[in-house]
mmCIF file of all heavy atoms, coordinates in Angstrom:
data_MODEL
# 
_entry.id   MODEL 
# 
loop_
_atom_site.group_PDB 
_atom_site.id 
_atom_site.type_symbol 
_atom_site.label_atom_id 
_atom_site.label_alt_id 
_atom_site.label_comp_id 
_atom_site.label_asym_id 
_atom_site.label_entity_id 
_atom_site.label_seq_id 
_atom_site.pdbx_PDB_ins_code 
_atom_site.Cartn_x 
_atom_site.Cartn_y 
_atom_site.Cartn_z 
_atom_site.occupancy 
_atom_site.B_iso_or_equiv 
_atom_site.pdbx_formal_charge 
_atom_site.auth_seq_id 
_atom_site.auth_comp_id 
_atom_site.auth_asym_id 
_atom_site.auth_atom_id 
_atom_site.pdbx_PDB_model_num 
ATOM 1   N N   . GLU A 1 1  ? -24.790 26.771 3.354   1.00 0.00 ? 1  GLU A N   1 
ATOM 2   C CA  . GLU A 1 1  ? -25.315 28.109 3.074   1.00 0.00 ? 1  GLU A CA  1 
ATOM 3   C C   . GLU A 1 1  ? -26.831 28.148 3.152   1.00 0.00 ? 1  GLU A C   1 
ATOM 4   O O   . GLU A 1 1  ? -27.412 29.159 3.531   1.00 0.00 ? 1  GLU A O   1 
ATOM 5   C CB  . GLU A 1 1  ? -24.834 28.575 1.696   1.00 0.00 ? 1  GLU A CB  1 
ATOM 6   C CG  . GLU A 1 1  ? -23.347 28.853 1.649   1.00 0.00 ? 1  GLU A CG  1 
ATOM 7   C CD  . GLU A 1 1  ? -22.830 29.095 0.248   1.00 0.00 ? 1  GLU A CD  1 
ATOM 8   O OE1 . GLU A 1 1  ? -23.628 29.116 -0.727  1.00 0.00 ? 1  GLU A OE1 1 
ATOM 9   O OE2 . GLU A 1 1  ? -21.600 29.252 0.112   1.00 0.00 ? 1  GLU A OE2 1 
ATOM 10  N N   . ASP A 1 2  ? -27.492 27.050 2.766   1.00 0.00 ? 2  ASP A N   1 
ATOM 11  C CA  . ASP A 1 2  ? -28.956 26.999 2.817   1.00 0.00 ? 2  ASP A CA  1 
ATOM 12  C C   . ASP A 1 2  ? -29.397 25.558 3.042   1.00 0.00 ? 2  ASP A C   1 
ATOM 13  O O   . ASP A 1 2  ? -29.677 24.824 2.104   1.00 0.00 ? 2  ASP A O   1 
ATOM 14  C CB  . ASP A 1 2  ? -29.559 27.542 1.526   1.00 0.00 ? 2  ASP A CB  1 
ATOM 15  C CG  . ASP A 1 2  ? -31.064 27.707 1.614   1.00 0.00 ? 2  ASP A CG  1 
ATOM 16  O OD1 . ASP A 1 2  ? -31.674 27.266 2.613   1.00 0.00 ? 2  ASP A OD1 1 
ATOM 17  O OD2 . ASP A 1 2  ? -31.656 28.274 0.673   1.00 0.00 ? 2  ASP A OD2 1 
ATOM 18  N N   . PRO A 1 3  ? -29.466 25.125 4.320   1.00 0.00 ? 3  PRO A N   1 
ATOM 19  C CA  . PRO A 1 3  ? -29.798 23.733 4.622   1.00 0.00 ? 3  PRO A CA  1 
ATOM 20  C C   . PRO A 1 3  ? -31.207 23.326 4.191   1.00 0.00 ? 3  PRO A C   1 
ATOM 21  O O   . PRO A 1 3  ? -31.501 22.137 4.087   1.00 0.00 ? 3  PRO A O   1 
ATOM 22  C CB  . PRO A 1 3  ? -29.642 23.631 6.141   1.00 0.00 ? 3  PRO A CB  1 
ATOM 23  C CG  . PRO A 1 3  ? -29.392 24.990 6.651   1.00 0.00 ? 3  PRO A CG  1 
ATOM 24  C CD  . PRO A 1 3  ? -29.152 25.902 5.508   1.00 0.00 ? 3  PRO A CD  1 
ATOM 25  N N   . ASP A 1 4  ? -32.062 24.288 3.920   1.00 0.00 ? 4  ASP A N   1 
ATOM 26  C CA  . ASP A 1 4  ? -33.431 23.981 3.496   1.00 0.00 ? 4  ASP A CA  1 
ATOM 27  C C   . ASP A 1 4  ? -33.578 23.897 1.977   1.00 0.00 ? 4  ASP A C   1 
ATOM 28  O O   . ASP A 1 4  ? -34.694 23.704 1.485   1.00 0.00 ? 4  ASP A O   1 
ATOM 29  C CB  . ASP A 1 4  ? -34.397 25.025 4.056   1.00 0.00 ? 4  ASP A CB  1 
ATOM 30  C CG  . ASP A 1 4  ? -34.470 24.985 5.576   1.00 0.00 ? 4  ASP A CG  1 
ATOM 31  O OD1 . ASP A 1 4  ? -34.331 23.869 6.133   1.00 0.00 ? 4  ASP A OD1 1 
ATOM 32  O OD2 . ASP A 1 4  ? -34.627 26.046 6.186   1.00 0.00 ? 4  ASP A OD2 1 
ATOM 33  N N   . TRP A 1 5  ? -32.485 24.036 1.239   1.00 0.00 ? 5  TRP A N   1 
ATOM 34  C CA  . TRP A 1 5  ? -32.540 24.003 -0.223  1.00 0.00 ? 5  TRP A CA  1 
ATOM 35  C C   . TRP A 1 5  ? -32.559 22.551 -0.700  1.00 0.00 ? 5  TRP A C   1 
ATOM 36  O O   . TRP A 1 5  ? -31.713 22.078 -1.445  1.00 0.00 ? 5  TRP A O   1 
ATOM 37  C CB  . TRP A 1 5  ? -31.361 24.774 -0.817  1.00 0.00 ? 5  TRP A CB  1 
ATOM 38  C CG  . TRP A 1 5  ? -31.482 25.093 -2.263  1.00 0.00 ? 5  TRP A CG  1 
ATOM 39  C CD1 . TRP A 1 5  ? -30.615 24.724 -3.260  1.00 0.00 ? 5  TRP A CD1 1 
ATOM 40  C CD2 . TRP A 1 5  ? -32.514 25.840 -2.911  1.00 0.00 ? 5  TRP A CD2 1 
ATOM 41  N NE1 . TRP A 1 5  ? -31.050 25.189 -4.476  1.00 0.00 ? 5  TRP A NE1 1 
ATOM 42  C CE2 . TRP A 1 5  ? -32.216 25.883 -4.289  1.00 0.00 ? 5  TRP A CE2 1 
ATOM 43  C CE3 . TRP A 1 5  ? -33.671 26.468 -2.463  1.00 0.00 ? 5  TRP A CE3 1 
ATOM 44  C CZ2 . TRP A 1 5  ? -33.029 26.527 -5.215  1.00 0.00 ? 5  TRP A CZ2 1 
ATOM 45  C CZ3 . TRP A 1 5  ? -34.472 27.112 -3.389  1.00 0.00 ? 5  TRP A CZ3 1 
ATOM 46  C CH2 . TRP A 1 5  ? -34.149 27.134 -4.741  1.00 0.00 ? 5  TRP A CH2 1 
ATOM 47  N N   . VAL A 1 6  ? -33.561 21.799 -0.192  1.00 0.00 ? 6  VAL A N   1 
ATOM 48  C CA  . VAL A 1 6  ? -33.725 20.391 -0.519  1.00 0.00 ? 6  VAL A CA  1 
ATOM 49  C C   . VAL A 1 6  ? -35.199 20.127 -0.824  1.00 0.00 ? 6  VAL A C   1 
ATOM 50  O O   . VAL A 1 6  ? -36.072 20.928 -0.471  1.00 0.00 ? 6  VAL A O   1 
ATOM 51  C CB  . VAL A 1 6  ? -33.252 19.469 0.625   1.00 0.00 ? 6  VAL A CB  1 
ATOM 52  C CG1 . VAL A 1 6  ? -31.755 19.608 0.846   1.00 0.00 ? 6  VAL A CG1 1 
ATOM 53  C CG2 . VAL A 1 6  ? -34.011 19.733 1.900   1.00 0.00 ? 6  VAL A CG2 1 
ATOM 54  N N   . THR A 1 7  ? -35.457 19.020 -1.467  1.00 0.00 ? 7  THR A N   1 
ATOM 55  C CA  . THR A 1 7  ? -36.821 18.621 -1.781  1.00 0.00 ? 7  THR A CA  1 
ATOM 56  C C   . THR A 1 7  ? -37.013 17.157 -1.408  1.00 0.00 ? 7  THR A C   1 
ATOM 57  O O   . THR A 1 7  ? -36.068 16.364 -1.477  1.00 0.00 ? 7  THR A O   1 
ATOM 58  C CB  . THR A 1 7  ? -37.128 18.831 -3.283  1.00 0.00 ? 7  THR A CB  1 
ATOM 59  O OG1 . THR A 1 7  ? -38.515 18.589 -3.527  1.00 0.00 ? 7  THR A OG1 1 
ATOM 60  C CG2 . THR A 1 7  ? -36.292 17.934 -4.177  1.00 0.00 ? 7  THR A CG2 1 
ATOM 61  N N   . ALA A 1 8  ? -38.203 16.820 -0.999  1.00 0.00 ? 8  ALA A N   1 
ATOM 62  C CA  . ALA A 1 8  ? -38.546 15.411 -0.763  1.00 0.00 ? 8  ALA A CA  1 
ATOM 63  C C   . ALA A 1 8  ? -38.731 14.737 -2.113  1.00 0.00 ? 8  ALA A C   1 
ATOM 64  O O   . ALA A 1 8  ? -39.280 15.340 -3.038  1.00 0.00 ? 8  ALA A O   1 
ATOM 65  C CB  . ALA A 1 8  ? -39.822 15.315 0.061   1.00 0.00 ? 8  ALA A CB  1 
ATOM 66  N N   . VAL A 1 9  ? -38.259 13.497 -2.233  1.00 0.00 ? 9  VAL A N   1 
ATOM 67  C CA  . VAL A 1 9  ? -38.395 12.770 -3.491  1.00 0.00 ? 9  VAL A CA  1 
ATOM 68  C C   . VAL A 1 9  ? -39.138 11.466 -3.266  1.00 0.00 ? 9  VAL A C   1 
ATOM 69  O O   . VAL A 1 9  ? -39.144 10.913 -2.173  1.00 0.00 ? 9  VAL A O   1 
ATOM 70  C CB  . VAL A 1 9  ? -37.031 12.507 -4.164  1.00 0.00 ? 9  VAL A CB  1 
ATOM 71  C CG1 . VAL A 1 9  ? -36.394 13.800 -4.625  1.00 0.00 ? 9  VAL A CG1 1 
ATOM 72  C CG2 . VAL A 1 9  ? -36.091 11.735 -3.265  1.00 0.00 ? 9  VAL A CG2 1 
ATOM 73  N N   . ASP A 1 10 ? -39.768 11.019 -4.346  1.00 0.00 ? 10 ASP A N   1 
ATOM 74  C CA  . ASP A 1 10 ? -40.578 9.814  -4.302  1.00 0.00 ? 10 ASP A CA  1 
ATOM 75  C C   . ASP A 1 10 ? -40.165 8.904  -5.453  1.00 0.00 ? 10 ASP A C   1 
ATOM 76  O O   . ASP A 1 10 ? -40.328 9.274  -6.622  1.00 0.00 ? 10 ASP A O   1 
ATOM 77  C CB  . ASP A 1 10 ? -42.061 10.196 -4.413  1.00 0.00 ? 10 ASP A CB  1 
ATOM 78  C CG  . ASP A 1 10 ? -42.994 9.010  -4.334  1.00 0.00 ? 10 ASP A CG  1 
ATOM 79  O OD1 . ASP A 1 10 ? -42.629 7.981  -3.732  1.00 0.00 ? 10 ASP A OD1 1 
ATOM 80  O OD2 . ASP A 1 10 ? -44.110 9.117  -4.877  1.00 0.00 ? 10 ASP A OD2 1 
ATOM 81  N N   . VAL A 1 11 ? -39.616 7.737  -5.122  1.00 0.00 ? 11 VAL A N   1 
ATOM 82  C CA  . VAL A 1 11 ? -39.263 6.751  -6.154  1.00 0.00 ? 11 VAL A CA  1 
ATOM 83  C C   . VAL A 1 11 ? -40.562 6.148  -6.668  1.00 0.00 ? 11 VAL A C   1 
ATOM 84  O O   . VAL A 1 11 ? -41.347 5.604  -5.901  1.00 0.00 ? 11 VAL A O   1 
ATOM 85  C CB  . VAL A 1 11 ? -38.350 5.649  -5.587  1.00 0.00 ? 11 VAL A CB  1 
ATOM 86  C CG1 . VAL A 1 11 ? -38.152 4.535  -6.610  1.00 0.00 ? 11 VAL A CG1 1 
ATOM 87  C CG2 . VAL A 1 11 ? -37.008 6.231  -5.161  1.00 0.00 ? 11 VAL A CG2 1 
ATOM 88  N N   . GLN A 1 12 ? -40.781 6.245  -7.980  1.00 0.00 ? 12 GLN A N   1 
ATOM 89  C CA  . GLN A 1 12 ? -42.013 5.737  -8.582  1.00 0.00 ? 12 GLN A CA  1 
ATOM 90  C C   . GLN A 1 12 ? -41.777 4.639  -9.597  1.00 0.00 ? 12 GLN A C   1 
ATOM 91  O O   . GLN A 1 12 ? -42.725 4.007  -10.055 1.00 0.00 ? 12 GLN A O   1 
ATOM 92  C CB  . GLN A 1 12 ? -42.776 6.890  -9.227  1.00 0.00 ? 12 GLN A CB  1 
ATOM 93  C CG  . GLN A 1 12 ? -43.202 7.928  -8.209  1.00 0.00 ? 12 GLN A CG  1 
ATOM 94  C CD  . GLN A 1 12 ? -43.905 9.092  -8.849  1.00 0.00 ? 12 GLN A CD  1 
ATOM 95  O OE1 . GLN A 1 12 ? -43.567 9.499  -9.956  1.00 0.00 ? 12 GLN A OE1 1 
ATOM 96  N NE2 . GLN A 1 12 ? -44.883 9.625  -8.160  1.00 0.00 ? 12 GLN A NE2 1 
ATOM 97  N N   . ARG A 1 13 ? -40.523 4.425  -9.953  1.00 0.00 ? 13 ARG A N   1 
ATOM 98  C CA  . ARG A 1 13 ? -40.209 3.390  -10.951 1.00 0.00 ? 13 ARG A CA  1 
ATOM 99  C C   . ARG A 1 13 ? -38.897 2.740  -10.575 1.00 0.00 ? 13 ARG A C   1 
ATOM 100 O O   . ARG A 1 13 ? -37.958 3.419  -10.180 1.00 0.00 ? 13 ARG A O   1 
ATOM 101 C CB  . ARG A 1 13 ? -40.112 4.048  -12.327 1.00 0.00 ? 13 ARG A CB  1 
ATOM 102 C CG  . ARG A 1 13 ? -39.755 3.115  -13.448 1.00 0.00 ? 13 ARG A CG  1 
ATOM 103 C CD  . ARG A 1 13 ? -41.002 2.556  -14.119 1.00 0.00 ? 13 ARG A CD  1 
ATOM 104 N NE  . ARG A 1 13 ? -40.649 2.000  -15.410 1.00 0.00 ? 13 ARG A NE  1 
ATOM 105 C CZ  . ARG A 1 13 ? -40.483 0.711  -15.625 1.00 0.00 ? 13 ARG A CZ  1 
ATOM 106 N NH1 . ARG A 1 13 ? -40.657 -0.155 -14.665 1.00 0.00 ? 13 ARG A NH1 1 
ATOM 107 N NH2 . ARG A 1 13 ? -40.167 0.275  -16.822 1.00 0.00 ? 13 ARG A NH2 1 
ATOM 108 N N   . GLU A 1 14 ? -38.831 1.416  -10.688 1.00 0.00 ? 14 GLU A N   1 
ATOM 109 C CA  . GLU A 1 14 ? -37.611 0.655  -10.418 1.00 0.00 ? 14 GLU A CA  1 
ATOM 110 C C   . GLU A 1 14 ? -37.387 -0.336 -11.543 1.00 0.00 ? 14 GLU A C   1 
ATOM 111 O O   . GLU A 1 14 ? -38.327 -0.993 -11.977 1.00 0.00 ? 14 GLU A O   1 
ATOM 112 C CB  . GLU A 1 14 ? -37.722 -0.108 -9.101  1.00 0.00 ? 14 GLU A CB  1 
ATOM 113 C CG  . GLU A 1 14 ? -37.893 0.758  -7.886  1.00 0.00 ? 14 GLU A CG  1 
ATOM 114 C CD  . GLU A 1 14 ? -37.923 -0.042 -6.587  1.00 0.00 ? 14 GLU A CD  1 
ATOM 115 O OE1 . GLU A 1 14 ? -37.811 -1.293 -6.634  1.00 0.00 ? 14 GLU A OE1 1 
ATOM 116 O OE2 . GLU A 1 14 ? -38.067 0.592  -5.533  1.00 0.00 ? 14 GLU A OE2 1 
ATOM 117 N N   . VAL A 1 15 ? -36.135 -0.443 -11.983 1.00 0.00 ? 15 VAL A N   1 
ATOM 118 C CA  . VAL A 1 15 ? -35.771 -1.394 -13.029 1.00 0.00 ? 15 VAL A CA  1 
ATOM 119 C C   . VAL A 1 15 ? -34.505 -2.118 -12.572 1.00 0.00 ? 15 VAL A C   1 
ATOM 120 O O   . VAL A 1 15 ? -33.494 -1.470 -12.275 1.00 0.00 ? 15 VAL A O   1 
ATOM 121 C CB  . VAL A 1 15 ? -35.512 -0.679 -14.374 1.00 0.00 ? 15 VAL A CB  1 
ATOM 122 C CG1 . VAL A 1 15 ? -35.016 -1.664 -15.432 1.00 0.00 ? 15 VAL A CG1 1 
ATOM 123 C CG2 . VAL A 1 15 ? -36.760 0.042  -14.856 1.00 0.00 ? 15 VAL A CG2 1 
ATOM 124 N N   . PRO A 1 16 ? -34.545 -3.456 -12.493 1.00 0.00 ? 16 PRO A N   1 
ATOM 125 C CA  . PRO A 1 16 ? -33.341 -4.190 -12.081 1.00 0.00 ? 16 PRO A CA  1 
ATOM 126 C C   . PRO A 1 16 ? -32.264 -4.120 -13.150 1.00 0.00 ? 16 PRO A C   1 
ATOM 127 O O   . PRO A 1 16 ? -32.558 -4.119 -14.350 1.00 0.00 ? 16 PRO A O   1 
ATOM 128 C CB  . PRO A 1 16 ? -33.845 -5.618 -11.881 1.00 0.00 ? 16 PRO A CB  1 
ATOM 129 C CG  . PRO A 1 16 ? -35.135 -5.708 -12.615 1.00 0.00 ? 16 PRO A CG  1 
ATOM 130 C CD  . PRO A 1 16 ? -35.688 -4.323 -12.742 1.00 0.00 ? 16 PRO A CD  1 
ATOM 131 N N   . ILE A 1 17 ? -31.020 -4.057 -12.694 1.00 0.00 ? 17 ILE A N   1 
ATOM 132 C CA  . ILE A 1 17 ? -29.843 -4.128 -13.562 1.00 0.00 ? 17 ILE A CA  1 
ATOM 133 C C   . ILE A 1 17 ? -28.861 -5.082 -12.884 1.00 0.00 ? 17 ILE A C   1 
ATOM 134 O O   . ILE A 1 17 ? -29.010 -5.354 -11.696 1.00 0.00 ? 17 ILE A O   1 
ATOM 135 C CB  . ILE A 1 17 ? -29.194 -2.741 -13.794 1.00 0.00 ? 17 ILE A CB  1 
ATOM 136 C CG1 . ILE A 1 17 ? -28.719 -2.134 -12.462 1.00 0.00 ? 17 ILE A CG1 1 
ATOM 137 C CG2 . ILE A 1 17 ? -30.136 -1.799 -14.526 1.00 0.00 ? 17 ILE A CG2 1 
ATOM 138 C CD1 . ILE A 1 17 ? -27.875 -0.886 -12.614 1.00 0.00 ? 17 ILE A CD1 1 
ATOM 139 N N   . PRO A 1 18 ? -27.874 -5.591 -13.602 1.00 0.00 ? 18 PRO A N   1 
ATOM 140 C CA  . PRO A 1 18 ? -26.881 -6.446 -12.942 1.00 0.00 ? 18 PRO A CA  1 
ATOM 141 C C   . PRO A 1 18 ? -26.229 -5.707 -11.771 1.00 0.00 ? 18 PRO A C   1 
ATOM 142 O O   . PRO A 1 18 ? -25.762 -4.583 -11.921 1.00 0.00 ? 18 PRO A O   1 
ATOM 143 C CB  . PRO A 1 18 ? -25.873 -6.736 -14.056 1.00 0.00 ? 18 PRO A CB  1 
ATOM 144 C CG  . PRO A 1 18 ? -26.672 -6.598 -15.319 1.00 0.00 ? 18 PRO A CG  1 
ATOM 145 C CD  . PRO A 1 18 ? -27.647 -5.479 -15.039 1.00 0.00 ? 18 PRO A CD  1 
ATOM 146 N N   . GLY A 1 19 ? -26.281 -6.299 -10.601 1.00 0.00 ? 19 GLY A N   1 
ATOM 147 C CA  . GLY A 1 19 ? -25.652 -5.710 -9.431  1.00 0.00 ? 19 GLY A CA  1 
ATOM 148 C C   . GLY A 1 19 ? -26.464 -4.641 -8.729  1.00 0.00 ? 19 GLY A C   1 
ATOM 149 O O   . GLY A 1 19 ? -25.963 -3.993 -7.812  1.00 0.00 ? 19 GLY A O   1 
ATOM 150 N N   . GLY A 1 20 ? -27.708 -4.424 -9.138  1.00 0.00 ? 20 GLY A N   1 
ATOM 151 C CA  . GLY A 1 20 ? -28.493 -3.385 -8.470  1.00 0.00 ? 20 GLY A CA  1 
ATOM 152 C C   . GLY A 1 20 ? -29.762 -3.039 -9.205  1.00 0.00 ? 20 GLY A C   1 
ATOM 153 O O   . GLY A 1 20 ? -30.437 -3.903 -9.761  1.00 0.00 ? 20 GLY A O   1 
ATOM 154 N N   . LEU A 1 21 ? -30.069 -1.759 -9.230  1.00 0.00 ? 21 LEU A N   1 
ATOM 155 C CA  . LEU A 1 21 ? -31.253 -1.286 -9.919  1.00 0.00 ? 21 LEU A CA  1 
ATOM 156 C C   . LEU A 1 21 ? -31.114 0.183  -10.238 1.00 0.00 ? 21 LEU A C   1 
ATOM 157 O O   . LEU A 1 21 ? -30.264 0.879  -9.679  1.00 0.00 ? 21 LEU A O   1 
ATOM 158 C CB  . LEU A 1 21 ? -32.519 -1.536 -9.095  1.00 0.00 ? 21 LEU A CB  1 
ATOM 159 C CG  . LEU A 1 21 ? -32.671 -0.812 -7.770  1.00 0.00 ? 21 LEU A CG  1 
ATOM 160 C CD1 . LEU A 1 21 ? -34.164 -0.701 -7.445  1.00 0.00 ? 21 LEU A CD1 1 
ATOM 161 C CD2 . LEU A 1 21 ? -32.023 -1.616 -6.658  1.00 0.00 ? 21 LEU A CD2 1 
ATOM 162 N N   . VAL A 1 22 ? -31.931 0.636  -11.171 1.00 0.00 ? 22 VAL A N   1 
ATOM 163 C CA  . VAL A 1 22 ? -32.076 2.061  -11.440 1.00 0.00 ? 22 VAL A CA  1 
ATOM 164 C C   . VAL A 1 22 ? -33.488 2.443  -11.038 1.00 0.00 ? 22 VAL A C   1 
ATOM 165 O O   . VAL A 1 22 ? -34.417 1.633  -11.141 1.00 0.00 ? 22 VAL A O   1 
ATOM 166 C CB  . VAL A 1 22 ? -31.784 2.435  -12.910 1.00 0.00 ? 22 VAL A CB  1 
ATOM 167 C CG1 . VAL A 1 22 ? -30.304 2.270  -13.222 1.00 0.00 ? 22 VAL A CG1 1 
ATOM 168 C CG2 . VAL A 1 22 ? -32.620 1.635  -13.881 1.00 0.00 ? 22 VAL A CG2 1 
ATOM 169 N N   . VAL A 1 23 ? -33.617 3.665  -10.536 1.00 0.00 ? 23 VAL A N   1 
ATOM 170 C CA  . VAL A 1 23 ? -34.913 4.148  -10.076 1.00 0.00 ? 23 VAL A CA  1 
ATOM 171 C C   . VAL A 1 23 ? -35.152 5.532  -10.659 1.00 0.00 ? 23 VAL A C   1 
ATOM 172 O O   . VAL A 1 23 ? -34.212 6.237  -11.022 1.00 0.00 ? 23 VAL A O   1 
ATOM 173 C CB  . VAL A 1 23 ? -35.007 4.193  -8.534  1.00 0.00 ? 23 VAL A CB  1 
ATOM 174 C CG1 . VAL A 1 23 ? -34.821 2.797  -7.934  1.00 0.00 ? 23 VAL A CG1 1 
ATOM 175 C CG2 . VAL A 1 23 ? -34.005 5.170  -7.942  1.00 0.00 ? 23 VAL A CG2 1 
ATOM 176 N N   . GLY A 1 24 ? -36.403 5.909  -10.712 1.00 0.00 ? 24 GLY A N   1 
ATOM 177 C CA  . GLY A 1 24 ? -36.756 7.252  -11.160 1.00 0.00 ? 24 GLY A CA  1 
ATOM 178 C C   . GLY A 1 24 ? -37.983 7.722  -10.425 1.00 0.00 ? 24 GLY A C   1 
ATOM 179 O O   . GLY A 1 24 ? -38.717 6.920  -9.833  1.00 0.00 ? 24 GLY A O   1 
ATOM 180 N N   . GLY A 1 25 ? -38.210 9.020  -10.478 1.00 0.00 ? 25 GLY A N   1 
ATOM 181 C CA  . GLY A 1 25 ? -39.380 9.550  -9.805  1.00 0.00 ? 25 GLY A CA  1 
ATOM 182 C C   . GLY A 1 25 ? -39.430 11.056 -9.840  1.00 0.00 ? 25 GLY A C   1 
ATOM 183 O O   . GLY A 1 25 ? -38.863 11.695 -10.720 1.00 0.00 ? 25 GLY A O   1 
ATOM 184 N N   . GLU A 1 26 ? -40.120 11.587 -8.827  1.00 0.00 ? 26 GLU A N   1 
ATOM 185 C CA  . GLU A 1 26 ? -40.383 13.015 -8.799  1.00 0.00 ? 26 GLU A CA  1 
ATOM 186 C C   . GLU A 1 26 ? -40.024 13.610 -7.450  1.00 0.00 ? 26 GLU A C   1 
ATOM 187 O O   . GLU A 1 26 ? -39.845 12.907 -6.466  1.00 0.00 ? 26 GLU A O   1 
ATOM 188 C CB  . GLU A 1 26 ? -41.855 13.285 -9.087  1.00 0.00 ? 26 GLU A CB  1 
ATOM 189 C CG  . GLU A 1 26 ? -42.809 12.784 -8.017  1.00 0.00 ? 26 GLU A CG  1 
ATOM 190 C CD  . GLU A 1 26 ? -44.265 13.025 -8.359  1.00 0.00 ? 26 GLU A CD  1 
ATOM 191 O OE1 . GLU A 1 26 ? -44.549 13.818 -9.262  1.00 0.00 ? 26 GLU A OE1 1 
ATOM 192 O OE2 . GLU A 1 26 ? -45.114 12.409 -7.718  1.00 0.00 ? 26 GLU A OE2 1 
# 
């Protein structure tokens, strides 16, 4: 319905966890 209803994101924080990681940002 609206292919432009998206935003660019930037991962600014990474924390390792068993089997992968969690990330956060803006």
